[in-house]
Amino acid sequence: MAYLVSIASRAERDLADLYGGIDAENSDTARKWYMGLKQAIVSLKEQPNRCPVTRRTGNLRHLLYGNKPAIYRGDLPRSREPEAG
């Protein structure tokens, strides 16, 4: 069953800053890495609890991608499944 992945506005700003910081617009390697990170985030809809829990609290997790973990909340609600017709 799929879960809902929602990227907070703060996280969107962080991603935009990261995109500019690694010069992904002008570097194929940086752009490929960045797109891989975005795909890793979206892939949380399949198994959101697969990543380790942070030491701070039980509902935050580390998405390990590259050399920096992305921290996300692990209490994601399930998305609505389409009804059988």
C-alpha atoms as a PDB file:
ATOM      1  CA  MET A   1       0.000   0.000   0.000  1.00  0.00           C
ATOM      2  CA  ALA A   2       1.272   3.465  -0.882  1.00  0.00           C
ATOM      3  CA  TYR A   3       1.838   6.220   1.670  1.00  0.00           C
ATOM      4  CA  LEU A   4       1.453   9.939   1.117  1.00  0.00           C
ATOM      5  CA  VAL A   5       4.742  11.826   0.669  1.00  0.00           C
ATOM      6  CA  SER A   6       4.347  15.542   1.258  1.00  0.00           C
ATOM      7  CA  ILE A   7       7.360  17.869   1.035  1.00  0.00           C
ATOM      8  CA  ALA A   8       7.085  20.780   3.475  1.00  0.00           C
ATOM      9  CA  SER A   9       7.709  24.322   2.208  1.00  0.00           C
ATOM     10  CA  ARG A  10      10.898  24.503   4.295  1.00  0.00           C
ATOM     11  CA  ALA A  11      12.145  21.300   2.664  1.00  0.00           C
ATOM     12  CA  GLU A  12      11.278  22.681  -0.800  1.00  0.00           C
ATOM     13  CA  ARG A  13      13.396  25.760  -0.030  1.00  0.00           C
ATOM     14  CA  ASP A  14      16.226  23.564   1.227  1.00  0.00           C
ATOM     15  CA  LEU A  15      16.067  21.505  -1.969  1.00  0.00           C
ATOM     16  CA  ALA A  16      16.116  24.668  -4.102  1.00  0.00           C
ATOM     17  CA  ASP A  17      19.139  25.942  -2.152  1.00  0.00           C
ATOM     18  CA  LEU A  18      20.841  22.593  -2.587  1.00  0.00           C
ATOM     19  CA  TYR A  19      20.129  22.619  -6.342  1.00  0.00           C
ATOM     20  CA  GLY A  20      21.801  26.018  -6.662  1.00  0.00           C
ATOM     21  CA  GLY A  21      24.586  25.160  -4.230  1.00  0.00           C
ATOM     22  CA  ILE A  22      25.738  22.156  -6.234  1.00  0.00           C
ATOM     23  CA  ASP A  23      25.237  24.041  -9.534  1.00  0.00           C
ATOM     24  CA  ALA A  24      22.895  21.349 -10.837  1.00  0.00           C
ATOM     25  CA  GLU A  25      21.682  23.621 -13.611  1.00  0.00           C
ATOM     26  CA  ASN A  26      25.140  23.586 -15.232  1.00  0.00           C
ATOM     27  CA  SER A  27      26.495  20.207 -14.153  1.00  0.00           C
ATOM     28  CA  ASP A  28      25.143  16.920 -15.492  1.00  0.00           C
ATOM     29  CA  THR A  29      26.708  15.031 -12.578  1.00  0.00           C
ATOM     30  CA  ALA A  30      25.181  17.366  -9.977  1.00  0.00           C
ATOM     31  CA  ARG A  31      21.804  17.295 -11.721  1.00  0.00           C
ATOM     32  CA  LYS A  32      21.856  13.476 -11.839  1.00  0.00           C
ATOM     33  CA  TRP A  33      22.691  13.329  -8.123  1.00  0.00           C
ATOM     34  CA  TYR A  34      19.948  15.849  -7.277  1.00  0.00           C
ATOM     35  CA  MET A  35      17.333  13.982  -9.315  1.00  0.00           C
ATOM     36  CA  GLY A  36      18.391  10.772  -7.554  1.00  0.00           C
ATOM     37  CA  LEU A  37      17.800  12.467  -4.199  1.00  0.00           C
ATOM     38  CA  LYS A  38      14.340  13.619  -5.286  1.00  0.00           C
ATOM     39  CA  GLN A  39      13.551  10.071  -6.467  1.00  0.00           C
ATOM     40  CA  ALA A  40      14.750   8.663  -3.137  1.00  0.00           C
ATOM     41  CA  ILE A  41      12.375  11.048  -1.343  1.00  0.00           C
ATOM     42  CA  VAL A  42       9.446  10.061  -3.562  1.00  0.00           C
ATOM     43  CA  SER A  43      10.286   6.366  -3.048  1.00  0.00           C
ATOM     44  CA  LEU A  44       9.368   6.775   0.629  1.00  0.00           C
ATOM     45  CA  LYS A  45       5.755   6.255  -0.465  1.00  0.00           C
ATOM     46  CA  GLU A  46       6.475   2.524  -0.728  1.00  0.00           C
ATOM     47  CA  GLN A  47       8.420   1.913   2.495  1.00  0.00           C
ATOM     48  CA  PRO A  48       8.606   5.043   4.666  1.00  0.00           C
ATOM     49  CA  ASN A  49       9.825   3.158   7.733  1.00  0.00           C
ATOM     50  CA  ARG A  50      12.813   1.543   6.014  1.00  0.00           C
ATOM     51  CA  CYS A  51      15.226   4.259   7.165  1.00  0.00           C
ATOM     52  CA  PRO A  52      16.826   4.428  10.622  1.00  0.00           C
ATOM     53  CA  VAL A  53      15.258   6.474  13.412  1.00  0.00           C
ATOM     54  CA  THR A  54      17.160   9.590  14.541  1.00  0.00           C
ATOM     55  CA  ARG A  55      18.482   9.825  18.075  1.00  0.00           C
ATOM     56  CA  ARG A  56      16.366  12.929  18.770  1.00  0.00           C
ATOM     57  CA  THR A  57      12.908  11.413  18.659  1.00  0.00           C
ATOM     58  CA  GLY A  58      11.113   8.287  17.557  1.00  0.00           C
ATOM     59  CA  ASN A  59       9.096   9.838  14.728  1.00  0.00           C
ATOM     60  CA  LEU A  60      12.026  11.343  12.769  1.00  0.00           C
ATOM     61  CA  ARG A  61      14.068   9.197  10.390  1.00  0.00           C
ATOM     62  CA  HIS A  62      17.208   9.545   8.277  1.00  0.00           C
ATOM     63  CA  LEU A  63      16.952   9.028   4.536  1.00  0.00           C
ATOM     64  CA  LEU A  64      20.542   8.142   3.714  1.00  0.00           C
ATOM     65  CA  TYR A  65      21.529   9.476   0.289  1.00  0.00           C
ATOM     66  CA  GLY A  66      24.995  10.721  -0.545  1.00  0.00           C
ATOM     67  CA  ASN A  67      27.048  12.035   2.350  1.00  0.00           C
ATOM     68  CA  LYS A  68      24.249  13.875   4.188  1.00  0.00           C
ATOM     69  CA  PRO A  69      21.125  12.314   5.647  1.00  0.00           C
ATOM     70  CA  ALA A  70      17.782  13.913   4.882  1.00  0.00           C
ATOM     71  CA  ILE A  71      15.560  13.900   7.963  1.00  0.00           C
ATOM     72  CA  TYR A  72      11.859  13.246   7.589  1.00  0.00           C
ATOM     73  CA  ARG A  73       8.866  12.481   9.779  1.00  0.00           C
ATOM     74  CA  GLY A  74       8.011   8.794   9.875  1.00  0.00           C
ATOM     75  CA  ASP A  75       4.310   9.054  10.718  1.00  0.00           C
ATOM     76  CA  LEU A  76       3.130   9.415   7.149  1.00  0.00           C
ATOM     77  CA  PRO A  77      -0.572   8.768   6.512  1.00  0.00           C
ATOM     78  CA  ARG A  78      -1.576   6.224   3.901  1.00  0.00           C
ATOM     79  CA  SER A  79      -2.821   7.575   0.621  1.00  0.00           C
ATOM     80  CA  ARG A  80      -6.329   6.759  -0.478  1.00  0.00           C
ATOM     81  CA  GLU A  81      -6.573   3.660  -2.586  1.00  0.00           C
ATOM     82  CA  PRO A  82      -8.777   3.822  -5.657  1.00  0.00           C
ATOM     83  CA  GLU A  83     -12.047   1.999  -5.201  1.00  0.00           C
ATOM     84  CA  ALA A  84     -12.710  -1.053  -7.353  1.00  0.00           C
ATOM     85  CA  GLY A  85     -15.280  -0.291 -10.016  1.00  0.00           C
END
